[in-house]
Amino acid sequence: MRNLQIAQITIAILLMAAILLQSRGVGLSGVFGGGGNIFRTKRGIEKKLFVATIILAVLFFSISLAVILLYKG
């Protein structure tokens, strides 16, 4: 149980770092109709960071669910 909590904290920190490292992109200018019309694909490290963020989010959700189920039972 304690190992799952440590893993959850570690993944949470990595997930926050991965989210903060991603480029901001257009930001709020797309809300007001300016500059948001350019289509761009993710390449290289940007794509790897994007995939890592998704994987970390799924892992975090799975471990959180496991902690809840184990704590409940």
Protein backbone atom coordinates (compact mmCIF):
# COMPACT_ATOMS: atom_id res chain seq x y z
CA MET A 1 0.00 0.00 0.00
CA ARG A 2 2.78 2.42 0.92
CA ASN A 3 4.63 1.60 -2.33
CA LEU A 4 1.55 2.55 -4.34
CA GLN A 5 1.32 5.89 -2.54
CA ILE A 6 4.98 6.63 -3.20
CA ALA A 7 4.50 5.70 -6.87
CA GLN A 8 1.42 7.93 -7.02
CA ILE A 9 3.34 10.93 -5.64
CA THR A 10 6.25 10.31 -8.01
CA ILE A 11 3.98 10.03 -11.05
CA ALA A 12 2.08 13.16 -9.97
CA ILE A 13 5.33 15.15 -9.88
CA LEU A 14 6.43 13.77 -13.26
CA LEU A 15 2.99 14.53 -14.73
CA MET A 16 3.12 18.13 -13.50
CA ALA A 17 6.60 18.55 -14.98
CA ALA A 18 5.51 17.06 -18.33
CA ILE A 19 2.51 19.40 -18.51
CA LEU A 20 4.57 22.46 -17.63
CA LEU A 21 7.28 21.60 -20.19
CA GLN A 22 4.85 21.51 -23.09
CA SER A 23 4.84 24.58 -25.30
CA ARG A 24 2.09 27.05 -24.64
CA GLY A 25 1.11 27.41 -28.30
CA VAL A 26 -1.44 30.07 -29.17
CA GLY A 27 -2.81 30.69 -25.69
CA LEU A 28 -5.77 33.04 -25.43
CA SER A 29 -5.33 34.63 -28.86
CA GLY A 30 -7.40 31.78 -30.34
CA VAL A 31 -10.36 32.85 -28.19
CA PHE A 32 -10.48 36.26 -29.82
CA GLY A 33 -9.99 34.90 -33.34
CA GLY A 34 -6.37 35.74 -33.98
CA GLY A 35 -3.48 33.52 -34.95
CA GLY A 36 -5.14 30.18 -34.27
CA ASN A 37 -5.53 29.08 -37.88
CA ILE A 38 -2.14 27.42 -38.36
CA PHE A 39 -2.09 23.62 -38.41
CA ARG A 40 1.07 22.19 -36.92
CA THR A 41 2.08 18.61 -36.19
CA LYS A 42 4.10 17.55 -33.19
CA ARG A 43 7.60 16.33 -34.00
CA GLY A 44 10.63 15.08 -32.13
CA ILE A 45 10.82 15.81 -28.43
CA GLU A 46 7.49 17.63 -28.46
CA LYS A 47 5.71 14.46 -29.63
CA LYS A 48 7.56 12.29 -27.09
CA LEU A 49 6.61 14.68 -24.30
CA PHE A 50 2.98 14.62 -25.46
CA VAL A 51 2.89 10.80 -25.46
CA ALA A 52 4.68 10.68 -22.09
CA THR A 53 2.04 13.03 -20.65
CA ILE A 54 -0.75 10.73 -21.79
CA ILE A 55 0.99 7.64 -20.40
CA LEU A 56 1.68 9.35 -17.06
CA ALA A 57 -1.95 10.48 -16.82
CA VAL A 58 -3.22 6.94 -17.44
CA LEU A 59 -0.75 5.53 -14.89
CA PHE A 60 -1.75 8.14 -12.32
CA PHE A 61 -5.44 7.37 -12.79
CA SER A 62 -4.82 3.61 -12.58
CA ILE A 63 -2.74 3.85 -9.42
CA SER A 64 -5.26 6.21 -7.83
CA LEU A 65 -8.03 3.74 -8.55
CA ALA A 66 -5.94 0.87 -7.15
CA VAL A 67 -5.24 2.84 -3.95
CA ILE A 68 -8.95 3.56 -3.51
CA LEU A 69 -9.96 -0.06 -4.07
CA LEU A 70 -7.26 -1.43 -1.76
CA TYR A 71 -8.01 1.12 0.96
CA LYS A 72 -11.72 0.36 0.76
CA GLY A 73 -11.29 -3.39 1.08
